[in-house]
Amino acid sequence: HTVQEMLAVLAEKNIASVALRTEPDVPHERIGAAIYSIVRAA
């Protein structure tokens, strides 16, 4: 449900890169938060 939980899964599975997809009509702020968090987590 949250970006923090997403980052935990990425770390747990040692995933270094992802392909990002969005559902229609997702607020830009939510997409931006996901991108920012992924990049910030190296």
PDB file of all heavy atoms in Angstrom:
ATOM      1  N   HIS A   1       0.800  -1.223   0.000  1.00  0.00           N
ATOM      2  CA  HIS A   1       0.000   0.000   0.000  1.00  0.00           C
ATOM      3  C   HIS A   1       0.831   1.271   0.000  1.00  0.00           C
ATOM      4  O   HIS A   1       0.368   2.303  -0.467  1.00  0.00           O
ATOM      5  CB  HIS A   1      -0.953   0.002   1.199  1.00  0.00           C
ATOM      6  CG  HIS A   1      -1.912  -1.148   1.183  1.00  0.00           C
ATOM      7  ND1 HIS A   1      -2.960  -1.234   0.297  1.00  0.00           N
ATOM      8  CD2 HIS A   1      -1.954  -2.284   1.913  1.00  0.00           C
ATOM      9  CE1 HIS A   1      -3.616  -2.363   0.497  1.00  0.00           C
ATOM     10  NE2 HIS A   1      -3.023  -3.024   1.464  1.00  0.00           N
ATOM     11  N   THR A   2       2.039   1.201   0.531  1.00  0.00           N
ATOM     12  CA  THR A   2       2.833   2.420   0.654  1.00  0.00           C
ATOM     13  C   THR A   2       4.157   2.296  -0.092  1.00  0.00           C
ATOM     14  O   THR A   2       4.612   1.195  -0.401  1.00  0.00           O
ATOM     15  CB  THR A   2       3.151   2.729   2.136  1.00  0.00           C
ATOM     16  OG1 THR A   2       4.015   1.717   2.641  1.00  0.00           O
ATOM     17  CG2 THR A   2       1.881   2.807   2.964  1.00  0.00           C
ATOM     18  N   VAL A   3       4.766   3.447  -0.337  1.00  0.00           N
ATOM     19  CA  VAL A   3       6.068   3.488  -0.989  1.00  0.00           C
ATOM     20  C   VAL A   3       7.110   2.826  -0.092  1.00  0.00           C
ATOM     21  O   VAL A   3       8.005   2.126  -0.582  1.00  0.00           O
ATOM     22  CB  VAL A   3       6.446   4.949  -1.321  1.00  0.00           C
ATOM     23  CG1 VAL A   3       7.867   5.057  -1.809  1.00  0.00           C
ATOM     24  CG2 VAL A   3       5.491   5.518  -2.362  1.00  0.00           C
ATOM     25  N   GLN A   4       7.003   2.986   1.220  1.00  0.00           N
ATOM     26  CA  GLN A   4       7.948   2.368   2.142  1.00  0.00           C
ATOM     27  C   GLN A   4       7.877   0.844   2.061  1.00  0.00           C
ATOM     28  O   GLN A   4       8.907   0.167   2.105  1.00  0.00           O
ATOM     29  CB  GLN A   4       7.690   2.835   3.587  1.00  0.00           C
ATOM     30  CG  GLN A   4       8.035   4.288   3.837  1.00  0.00           C
ATOM     31  CD  GLN A   4       6.969   5.257   3.293  1.00  0.00           C
ATOM     32  OE1 GLN A   4       5.841   4.879   3.007  1.00  0.00           O
ATOM     33  NE2 GLN A   4       7.357   6.506   3.140  1.00  0.00           N
ATOM     34  N   GLU A   5       6.672   0.306   1.955  1.00  0.00           N
ATOM     35  CA  GLU A   5       6.521  -1.146   1.798  1.00  0.00           C
ATOM     36  C   GLU A   5       7.109  -1.605   0.464  1.00  0.00           C
ATOM     37  O   GLU A   5       7.719  -2.674   0.382  1.00  0.00           O
ATOM     38  CB  GLU A   5       5.049  -1.538   1.884  1.00  0.00           C
ATOM     39  CG  GLU A   5       4.437  -1.366   3.253  1.00  0.00           C
ATOM     40  CD  GLU A   5       2.934  -1.577   3.269  1.00  0.00           C
ATOM     41  OE1 GLU A   5       2.266  -1.321   2.246  1.00  0.00           O
ATOM     42  OE2 GLU A   5       2.428  -2.011   4.313  1.00  0.00           O
ATOM     43  N   MET A   6       6.939  -0.803  -0.590  1.00  0.00           N
ATOM     44  CA  MET A   6       7.514  -1.119  -1.889  1.00  0.00           C
ATOM     45  C   MET A   6       9.033  -1.204  -1.786  1.00  0.00           C
ATOM     46  O   MET A   6       9.657  -2.138  -2.287  1.00  0.00           O
ATOM     47  CB  MET A   6       7.119  -0.061  -2.926  1.00  0.00           C
ATOM     48  CG  MET A   6       7.806  -0.220  -4.265  1.00  0.00           C
ATOM     49  SD  MET A   6       7.645   1.234  -5.331  1.00  0.00           S
ATOM     50  CE  MET A   6       8.670   2.428  -4.469  1.00  0.00           C
ATOM     51  N   LEU A   7       9.647  -0.210  -1.109  1.00  0.00           N
ATOM     52  CA  LEU A   7      11.098  -0.201  -0.946  1.00  0.00           C
ATOM     53  C   LEU A   7      11.571  -1.410  -0.153  1.00  0.00           C
ATOM     54  O   LEU A   7      12.632  -1.973  -0.435  1.00  0.00           O
ATOM     55  CB  LEU A   7      11.545   1.090  -0.278  1.00  0.00           C
ATOM     56  CG  LEU A   7      11.367   2.360  -1.112  1.00  0.00           C
ATOM     57  CD1 LEU A   7      11.767   3.577  -0.282  1.00  0.00           C
ATOM     58  CD2 LEU A   7      12.153   2.288  -2.404  1.00  0.00           C
ATOM     59  N   ALA A   8      10.797  -1.821   0.835  1.00  0.00           N
ATOM     60  CA  ALA A   8      11.162  -3.001   1.627  1.00  0.00           C
ATOM     61  C   ALA A   8      11.188  -4.254   0.757  1.00  0.00           C
ATOM     62  O   ALA A   8      12.087  -5.086   0.881  1.00  0.00           O
ATOM     63  CB  ALA A   8      10.194  -3.164   2.797  1.00  0.00           C
ATOM     64  N   VAL A   9      10.215  -4.388  -0.140  1.00  0.00           N
ATOM     65  CA  VAL A   9      10.183  -5.545  -1.043  1.00  0.00           C
ATOM     66  C   VAL A   9      11.376  -5.505  -1.998  1.00  0.00           C
ATOM     67  O   VAL A   9      12.025  -6.521  -2.242  1.00  0.00           O
ATOM     68  CB  VAL A   9       8.850  -5.612  -1.823  1.00  0.00           C
ATOM     69  CG1 VAL A   9       8.893  -6.688  -2.898  1.00  0.00           C
ATOM     70  CG2 VAL A   9       7.687  -5.849  -0.879  1.00  0.00           C
ATOM     71  N   LEU A  10      11.676  -4.323  -2.541  1.00  0.00           N
ATOM     72  CA  LEU A  10      12.832  -4.193  -3.438  1.00  0.00           C
ATOM     73  C   LEU A  10      14.117  -4.595  -2.719  1.00  0.00           C
ATOM     74  O   LEU A  10      14.960  -5.290  -3.290  1.00  0.00           O
ATOM     75  CB  LEU A  10      12.936  -2.760  -3.972  1.00  0.00           C
ATOM     76  CG  LEU A  10      11.839  -2.295  -4.931  1.00  0.00           C
ATOM     77  CD1 LEU A  10      12.033  -0.826  -5.275  1.00  0.00           C
ATOM     78  CD2 LEU A  10      11.812  -3.147  -6.182  1.00  0.00           C
ATOM     79  N   ALA A  11      14.273  -4.166  -1.481  1.00  0.00           N
ATOM     80  CA  ALA A  11      15.474  -4.497  -0.711  1.00  0.00           C
ATOM     81  C   ALA A  11      15.506  -5.989  -0.369  1.00  0.00           C
ATOM     82  O   ALA A  11      16.546  -6.641  -0.492  1.00  0.00           O
ATOM     83  CB  ALA A  11      15.532  -3.662   0.558  1.00  0.00           C
ATOM     84  N   GLU A  12      14.363  -6.520   0.036  1.00  0.00           N
ATOM     85  CA  GLU A  12      14.273  -7.929   0.434  1.00  0.00           C
ATOM     86  C   GLU A  12      14.639  -8.856  -0.722  1.00  0.00           C
ATOM     87  O   GLU A  12      15.322  -9.853  -0.544  1.00  0.00           O
ATOM     88  CB  GLU A  12      12.853  -8.214   0.918  1.00  0.00           C
ATOM     89  CG  GLU A  12      12.544  -9.657   1.229  1.00  0.00           C
ATOM     90  CD  GLU A  12      11.065  -9.847   1.535  1.00  0.00           C
ATOM     91  OE1 GLU A  12      10.530  -9.074   2.355  1.00  0.00           O
ATOM     92  OE2 GLU A  12      10.457 -10.743   0.941  1.00  0.00           O
ATOM     93  N   LYS A  13      14.190  -8.497  -1.915  1.00  0.00           N
ATOM     94  CA  LYS A  13      14.436  -9.338  -3.091  1.00  0.00           C
ATOM     95  C   LYS A  13      15.675  -8.907  -3.864  1.00  0.00           C
ATOM     96  O   LYS A  13      15.959  -9.440  -4.927  1.00  0.00           O
ATOM     97  CB  LYS A  13      13.213  -9.334  -3.987  1.00  0.00           C
ATOM     98  CG  LYS A  13      11.997  -9.937  -3.292  1.00  0.00           C
ATOM     99  CD  LYS A  13      10.860 -10.140  -4.239  1.00  0.00           C
ATOM    100  CE  LYS A  13       9.665 -10.684  -3.517  1.00  0.00           C
ATOM    101  NZ  LYS A  13       9.647 -12.122  -3.424  1.00  0.00           N
ATOM    102  N   ASN A  14      16.389  -7.902  -3.326  1.00  0.00           N
ATOM    103  CA  ASN A  14      17.625  -7.402  -3.930  1.00  0.00           C
ATOM    104  C   ASN A  14      17.423  -7.009  -5.396  1.00  0.00           C
ATOM    105  O   ASN A  14      18.191  -7.400  -6.279  1.00  0.00           O
ATOM    106  CB  ASN A  14      18.746  -8.439  -3.789  1.00  0.00           C
ATOM    107  CG  ASN A  14      20.096  -7.817  -3.972  1.00  0.00           C
ATOM    108  OD1 ASN A  14      20.271  -6.615  -3.746  1.00  0.00           O
ATOM    109  ND2 ASN A  14      21.059  -8.610  -4.385  1.00  0.00           N
ATOM    110  N   ILE A  15      16.378  -6.228  -5.658  1.00  0.00           N
ATOM    111  CA  ILE A  15      16.054  -5.771  -7.008  1.00  0.00           C
ATOM    112  C   ILE A  15      16.727  -4.421  -7.229  1.00  0.00           C
ATOM    113  O   ILE A  15      16.478  -3.467  -6.499  1.00  0.00           O
ATOM    114  CB  ILE A  15      14.528  -5.664  -7.195  1.00  0.00           C
ATOM    115  CG1 ILE A  15      13.894  -7.050  -7.044  1.00  0.00           C
ATOM    116  CG2 ILE A  15      14.187  -5.041  -8.532  1.00  0.00           C
ATOM    117  CD1 ILE A  15      12.386  -7.047  -7.019  1.00  0.00           C
ATOM    118  N   ALA A  16      17.588  -4.356  -8.255  1.00  0.00           N
ATOM    119  CA  ALA A  16      18.367  -3.135  -8.509  1.00  0.00           C
ATOM    120  C   ALA A  16      17.700  -2.202  -9.505  1.00  0.00           C
ATOM    121  O   ALA A  16      17.939  -0.997  -9.488  1.00  0.00           O
ATOM    122  CB  ALA A  16      19.758  -3.503  -9.008  1.00  0.00           C
ATOM    123  N   SER A  17      16.882  -2.744 -10.403  1.00  0.00           N
ATOM    124  CA  SER A  17      16.208  -1.888 -11.379  1.00  0.00           C
ATOM    125  C   SER A  17      14.808  -2.417 -11.639  1.00  0.00           C
ATOM    126  O   SER A  17      14.547  -3.610 -11.509  1.00  0.00           O
ATOM    127  CB  SER A  17      17.007  -1.813 -12.684  1.00  0.00           C
ATOM    128  OG  SER A  17      17.081  -3.081 -13.280  1.00  0.00           O
ATOM    129  N   VAL A  18      13.914  -1.501 -12.005  1.00  0.00           N
ATOM    130  CA  VAL A  18      12.513  -1.853 -12.232  1.00  0.00           C
ATOM    131  C   VAL A  18      11.984  -1.162 -13.478  1.00  0.00           C
ATOM    132  O   VAL A  18      12.521  -0.151 -13.917  1.00  0.00           O
ATOM    133  CB  VAL A  18      11.612  -1.465 -11.031  1.00  0.00           C
ATOM    134  CG1 VAL A  18      12.014  -2.200  -9.780  1.00  0.00           C
ATOM    135  CG2 VAL A  18      11.620   0.034 -10.805  1.00  0.00           C
ATOM    136  N   ALA A  19      10.946  -1.727 -14.026  1.00  0.00           N
ATOM    137  CA  ALA A  19      10.167  -1.082 -15.079  1.00  0.00           C
ATOM    138  C   ALA A  19       8.910  -0.542 -14.399  1.00  0.00           C
ATOM    139  O   ALA A  19       8.185  -1.290 -13.749  1.00  0.00           O
ATOM    140  CB  ALA A  19       9.806  -2.087 -16.169  1.00  0.00           C
ATOM    141  N   LEU A  20       8.675   0.731 -14.509  1.00  0.00           N
ATOM    142  CA  LEU A  20       7.556   1.370 -13.818  1.00  0.00           C
ATOM    143  C   LEU A  20       6.350   1.473 -14.743  1.00  0.00           C
ATOM    144  O   LEU A  20       6.474   1.921 -15.880  1.00  0.00           O
ATOM    145  CB  LEU A  20       7.964   2.766 -13.343  1.00  0.00           C
ATOM    146  CG  LEU A  20       6.971   3.481 -12.451  1.00  0.00           C
ATOM    147  CD1 LEU A  20       6.997   2.871 -11.057  1.00  0.00           C
ATOM    148  CD2 LEU A  20       7.291   4.952 -12.378  1.00  0.00           C
ATOM    149  N   ARG A  21       5.210   1.056 -14.259  1.00  0.00           N
ATOM    150  CA  ARG A  21       3.940   1.180 -14.983  1.00  0.00           C
ATOM    151  C   ARG A  21       2.939   1.837 -14.039  1.00  0.00           C
ATOM    152  O   ARG A  21       3.024   1.696 -12.823  1.00  0.00           O
ATOM    153  CB  ARG A  21       3.399  -0.190 -15.404  1.00  0.00           C
ATOM    154  CG  ARG A  21       4.311  -0.966 -16.311  1.00  0.00           C
ATOM    155  CD  ARG A  21       4.222  -0.444 -17.742  1.00  0.00           C
ATOM    156  NE  ARG A  21       5.051  -1.214 -18.630  1.00  0.00           N
ATOM    157  CZ  ARG A  21       6.276  -0.875 -18.981  1.00  0.00           C
ATOM    158  NH1 ARG A  21       6.818   0.222 -18.510  1.00  0.00           N
ATOM    159  NH2 ARG A  21       6.977  -1.619 -19.805  1.00  0.00           N
ATOM    160  N   THR A  22       1.979   2.521 -14.619  1.00  0.00           N
ATOM    161  CA  THR A  22       0.940   3.149 -13.804  1.00  0.00           C
ATOM    162  C   THR A  22      -0.427   2.786 -14.355  1.00  0.00           C
ATOM    163  O   THR A  22      -0.598   2.599 -15.558  1.00  0.00           O
ATOM    164  CB  THR A  22       1.081   4.681 -13.790  1.00  0.00           C
ATOM    165  OG1 THR A  22       0.929   5.181 -15.117  1.00  0.00           O
ATOM    166  CG2 THR A  22       2.416   5.101 -13.231  1.00  0.00           C
ATOM    167  N   GLU A  23      -1.375   2.699 -13.445  1.00  0.00           N
ATOM    168  CA  GLU A  23      -2.763   2.529 -13.862  1.00  0.00           C
ATOM    169  C   GLU A  23      -3.269   3.883 -14.353  1.00  0.00           C
ATOM    170  O   GLU A  23      -2.711   4.923 -13.999  1.00  0.00           O
ATOM    171  CB  GLU A  23      -3.606   2.044 -12.686  1.00  0.00           C
ATOM    172  CG  GLU A  23      -3.270   0.632 -12.242  1.00  0.00           C
ATOM    173  CD  GLU A  23      -4.081   0.193 -11.039  1.00  0.00           C
ATOM    174  OE1 GLU A  23      -4.793   1.029 -10.435  1.00  0.00           O
ATOM    175  OE2 GLU A  23      -3.988  -0.988 -10.690  1.00  0.00           O
ATOM    176  N   PRO A  24      -4.328   3.891 -15.153  1.00  0.00           N
ATOM    177  CA  PRO A  24      -4.888   5.170 -15.602  1.00  0.00           C
ATOM    178  C   PRO A  24      -5.375   6.006 -14.418  1.00  0.00           C
ATOM    179  O   PRO A  24      -5.834   5.469 -13.406  1.00  0.00           O
ATOM    180  CB  PRO A  24      -6.073   4.754 -16.491  1.00  0.00           C
ATOM    181  CG  PRO A  24      -5.801   3.342 -16.875  1.00  0.00           C
ATOM    182  CD  PRO A  24      -5.017   2.741 -15.749  1.00  0.00           C
ATOM    183  N   ASP A  25      -5.244   7.306 -14.549  1.00  0.00           N
ATOM    184  CA  ASP A  25      -5.771   8.275 -13.579  1.00  0.00           C
ATOM    185  C   ASP A  25      -5.116   8.218 -12.197  1.00  0.00           C
ATOM    186  O   ASP A  25      -5.750   8.579 -11.193  1.00  0.00           O
ATOM    187  CB  ASP A  25      -7.298   8.135 -13.432  1.00  0.00           C
ATOM    188  CG  ASP A  25      -8.014   8.357 -14.753  1.00  0.00           C
ATOM    189  OD1 ASP A  25      -7.536   9.184 -15.551  1.00  0.00           O
ATOM    190  OD2 ASP A  25      -9.028   7.696 -14.998  1.00  0.00           O
ATOM    191  N   VAL A  26      -3.872   7.781 -12.112  1.00  0.00           N
ATOM    192  CA  VAL A  26      -3.142   7.828 -10.839  1.00  0.00           C
ATOM    193  C   VAL A  26      -2.598   9.244 -10.690  1.00  0.00           C
ATOM    194  O   VAL A  26      -2.026   9.792 -11.635  1.00  0.00           O
ATOM    195  CB  VAL A  26      -1.995   6.793 -10.816  1.00  0.00           C
ATOM    196  CG1 VAL A  26      -1.168   6.933  -9.554  1.00  0.00           C
ATOM    197  CG2 VAL A  26      -2.546   5.387 -10.947  1.00  0.00           C
ATOM    198  N   PRO A  27      -2.772   9.864  -9.540  1.00  0.00           N
ATOM    199  CA  PRO A  27      -2.264  11.225  -9.345  1.00  0.00           C
ATOM    200  C   PRO A  27      -0.751  11.296  -9.583  1.00  0.00           C
ATOM    201  O   PRO A  27      -0.004  10.409  -9.187  1.00  0.00           O
ATOM    202  CB  PRO A  27      -2.599  11.532  -7.880  1.00  0.00           C
ATOM    203  CG  PRO A  27      -3.670  10.573  -7.510  1.00  0.00           C
ATOM    204  CD  PRO A  27      -3.464   9.355  -8.343  1.00  0.00           C
ATOM    205  N   HIS A  28      -0.335  12.381 -10.220  1.00  0.00           N
ATOM    206  CA  HIS A  28       1.077  12.569 -10.528  1.00  0.00           C
ATOM    207  C   HIS A  28       1.943  12.574  -9.265  1.00  0.00           C
ATOM    208  O   HIS A  28       3.099  12.142  -9.296  1.00  0.00           O
ATOM    209  CB  HIS A  28       1.281  13.866 -11.314  1.00  0.00           C
ATOM    210  CG  HIS A  28       0.729  13.790 -12.694  1.00  0.00           C
ATOM    211  ND1 HIS A  28      -0.566  14.147 -13.002  1.00  0.00           N
ATOM    212  CD2 HIS A  28       1.302  13.372 -13.853  1.00  0.00           C
ATOM    213  CE1 HIS A  28      -0.773  13.969 -14.283  1.00  0.00           C
ATOM    214  NE2 HIS A  28       0.339  13.502 -14.835  1.00  0.00           N
ATOM    215  N   GLU A  29       1.395  13.043  -8.169  1.00  0.00           N
ATOM    216  CA  GLU A  29       2.149  13.084  -6.922  1.00  0.00           C
ATOM    217  C   GLU A  29       2.516  11.685  -6.459  1.00  0.00           C
ATOM    218  O   GLU A  29       3.611  11.446  -5.953  1.00  0.00           O
ATOM    219  CB  GLU A  29       1.344  13.794  -5.822  1.00  0.00           C
ATOM    220  CG  GLU A  29       1.104  15.270  -6.082  1.00  0.00           C
ATOM    221  CD  GLU A  29      -0.082  15.529  -7.017  1.00  0.00           C
ATOM    222  OE1 GLU A  29      -0.852  14.590  -7.324  1.00  0.00           O
ATOM    223  OE2 GLU A  29      -0.224  16.681  -7.454  1.00  0.00           O
ATOM    224  N   ARG A  30       1.590  10.740  -6.625  1.00  0.00           N
ATOM    225  CA  ARG A  30       1.848   9.344  -6.211  1.00  0.00           C
ATOM    226  C   ARG A  30       2.912   8.715  -7.107  1.00  0.00           C
ATOM    227  O   ARG A  30       3.796   8.014  -6.626  1.00  0.00           O
ATOM    228  CB  ARG A  30       0.548   8.542  -6.250  1.00  0.00           C
ATOM    229  CG  ARG A  30       0.714   7.100  -5.784  1.00  0.00           C
ATOM    230  CD  ARG A  30      -0.616   6.525  -5.384  1.00  0.00           C
ATOM    231  NE  ARG A  30      -0.589   5.116  -5.125  1.00  0.00           N
ATOM    232  CZ  ARG A  30      -0.271   4.579  -3.947  1.00  0.00           C
ATOM    233  NH1 ARG A  30       0.068   5.341  -2.939  1.00  0.00           N
ATOM    234  NH2 ARG A  30      -0.286   3.264  -3.779  1.00  0.00           N
ATOM    235  N   ILE A  31       2.828   8.979  -8.399  1.00  0.00           N
ATOM    236  CA  ILE A  31       3.825   8.449  -9.338  1.00  0.00           C
ATOM    237  C   ILE A  31       5.195   9.060  -9.025  1.00  0.00           C
ATOM    238  O   ILE A  31       6.211   8.352  -8.966  1.00  0.00           O
ATOM    239  CB  ILE A  31       3.413   8.742 -10.788  1.00  0.00           C
ATOM    240  CG1 ILE A  31       2.092   8.045 -11.118  1.00  0.00           C
ATOM    241  CG2 ILE A  31       4.512   8.304 -11.761  1.00  0.00           C
ATOM    242  CD1 ILE A  31       1.448   8.523 -12.401  1.00  0.00           C
ATOM    243  N   GLY A  32       5.213  10.371  -8.816  1.00  0.00           N
ATOM    244  CA  GLY A  32       6.459  11.055  -8.495  1.00  0.00           C
ATOM    245  C   GLY A  32       7.088  10.542  -7.210  1.00  0.00           C
ATOM    246  O   GLY A  32       8.308  10.367  -7.126  1.00  0.00           O
ATOM    247  N   ALA A  33       6.260  10.275  -6.207  1.00  0.00           N
ATOM    248  CA  ALA A  33       6.768   9.753  -4.935  1.00  0.00           C
ATOM    249  C   ALA A  33       7.398   8.376  -5.137  1.00  0.00           C
ATOM    250  O   ALA A  33       8.448   8.071  -4.554  1.00  0.00           O
ATOM    251  CB  ALA A  33       5.644   9.680  -3.905  1.00  0.00           C
ATOM    252  N   ALA A  34       6.779   7.553  -5.975  1.00  0.00           N
ATOM    253  CA  ALA A  34       7.335   6.220  -6.235  1.00  0.00           C
ATOM    254  C   ALA A  34       8.678   6.329  -6.964  1.00  0.00           C
ATOM    255  O   ALA A  34       9.661   5.692  -6.569  1.00  0.00           O
ATOM    256  CB  ALA A  34       6.351   5.386  -7.056  1.00  0.00           C
ATOM    257  N   ILE A  35       8.740   7.161  -8.006  1.00  0.00           N
ATOM    258  CA  ILE A  35       9.984   7.333  -8.761  1.00  0.00           C
ATOM    259  C   ILE A  35      11.076   7.893  -7.855  1.00  0.00           C
ATOM    260  O   ILE A  35      12.203   7.390  -7.827  1.00  0.00           O
ATOM    261  CB  ILE A  35       9.759   8.236  -9.981  1.00  0.00           C
ATOM    262  CG1 ILE A  35       8.847   7.546 -10.990  1.00  0.00           C
ATOM    263  CG2 ILE A  35      11.094   8.605 -10.634  1.00  0.00           C
ATOM    264  CD1 ILE A  35       8.395   8.436 -12.129  1.00  0.00           C
ATOM    265  N   TYR A  36      10.757   8.946  -7.118  1.00  0.00           N
ATOM    266  CA  TYR A  36      11.732   9.578  -6.232  1.00  0.00           C
ATOM    267  C   TYR A  36      12.273   8.573  -5.213  1.00  0.00           C
ATOM    268  O   TYR A  36      13.484   8.497  -4.971  1.00  0.00           O
ATOM    269  CB  TYR A  36      11.092  10.770  -5.514  1.00  0.00           C
ATOM    270  CG  TYR A  36      12.003  11.422  -4.505  1.00  0.00           C
ATOM    271  CD1 TYR A  36      12.986  12.316  -4.927  1.00  0.00           C
ATOM    272  CD2 TYR A  36      11.883  11.151  -3.155  1.00  0.00           C
ATOM    273  CE1 TYR A  36      13.834  12.920  -4.008  1.00  0.00           C
ATOM    274  CE2 TYR A  36      12.722  11.745  -2.232  1.00  0.00           C
ATOM    275  CZ  TYR A  36      13.695  12.629  -2.663  1.00  0.00           C
ATOM    276  OH  TYR A  36      14.530  13.218  -1.747  1.00  0.00           O
ATOM    277  N   SER A  37      11.393   7.791  -4.631  1.00  0.00           N
ATOM    278  CA  SER A  37      11.802   6.835  -3.613  1.00  0.00           C
ATOM    279  C   SER A  37      12.673   5.729  -4.193  1.00  0.00           C
ATOM    280  O   SER A  37      13.646   5.301  -3.567  1.00  0.00           O
ATOM    281  CB  SER A  37      10.579   6.229  -2.932  1.00  0.00           C
ATOM    282  OG  SER A  37       9.850   7.244  -2.287  1.00  0.00           O
ATOM    283  N   ILE A  38      12.331   5.258  -5.380  1.00  0.00           N
ATOM    284  CA  ILE A  38      13.126   4.208  -6.031  1.00  0.00           C
ATOM    285  C   ILE A  38      14.536   4.717  -6.310  1.00  0.00           C
ATOM    286  O   ILE A  38      15.531   4.065  -5.992  1.00  0.00           O
ATOM    287  CB  ILE A  38      12.440   3.725  -7.331  1.00  0.00           C
ATOM    288  CG1 ILE A  38      11.165   2.953  -7.004  1.00  0.00           C
ATOM    289  CG2 ILE A  38      13.398   2.851  -8.154  1.00  0.00           C
ATOM    290  CD1 ILE A  38      10.276   2.691  -8.200  1.00  0.00           C
ATOM    291  N   VAL A  39      14.638   5.906  -6.877  1.00  0.00           N
ATOM    292  CA  VAL A  39      15.944   6.473  -7.208  1.00  0.00           C
ATOM    293  C   VAL A  39      16.724   6.808  -5.945  1.00  0.00           C
ATOM    294  O   VAL A  39      17.929   6.553  -5.849  1.00  0.00           O
ATOM    295  CB  VAL A  39      15.781   7.706  -8.126  1.00  0.00           C
ATOM    296  CG1 VAL A  39      17.098   8.413  -8.350  1.00  0.00           C
ATOM    297  CG2 VAL A  39      15.171   7.288  -9.458  1.00  0.00           C
ATOM    298  N   ARG A  40      16.062   7.360  -4.968  1.00  0.00           N
ATOM    299  CA  ARG A  40      16.722   7.722  -3.707  1.00  0.00           C
ATOM    300  C   ARG A  40      17.280   6.487  -2.994  1.00  0.00           C
ATOM    301  O   ARG A  40      18.281   6.560  -2.296  1.00  0.00           O
ATOM    302  CB  ARG A  40      15.711   8.450  -2.815  1.00  0.00           C
ATOM    303  CG  ARG A  40      16.194   8.795  -1.459  1.00  0.00           C
ATOM    304  CD  ARG A  40      16.581  10.204  -1.376  1.00  0.00           C
ATOM    305  NE  ARG A  40      17.189  10.416  -0.062  1.00  0.00           N
ATOM    306  CZ  ARG A  40      17.260  11.546   0.517  1.00  0.00           C
ATOM    307  NH1 ARG A  40      16.754  12.603  -0.069  1.00  0.00           N
ATOM    308  NH2 ARG A  40      17.838  11.672   1.679  1.00  0.00           N
ATOM    309  N   ALA A  41      16.650   5.347  -3.196  1.00  0.00           N
ATOM    310  CA  ALA A  41      17.109   4.087  -2.585  1.00  0.00           C
ATOM    311  C   ALA A  41      18.201   3.427  -3.434  1.00  0.00           C
ATOM    312  O   ALA A  41      18.495   2.245  -3.248  1.00  0.00           O
ATOM    313  CB  ALA A  41      15.932   3.142  -2.403  1.00  0.00           C
ATOM    314  N   ALA A  42      18.787   4.197  -4.361  1.00  0.00           N
ATOM    315  CA  ALA A  42      19.886   3.716  -5.218  1.00  0.00           C
ATOM    316  C   ALA A  42      19.457   2.578  -6.127  1.00  0.00           C
ATOM    317  O   ALA A  42      20.215   1.676  -6.429  1.00  0.00           O
ATOM    318  CB  ALA A  42      21.100   3.330  -4.382  1.00  0.00           C
TER     319      ALA A  42
END
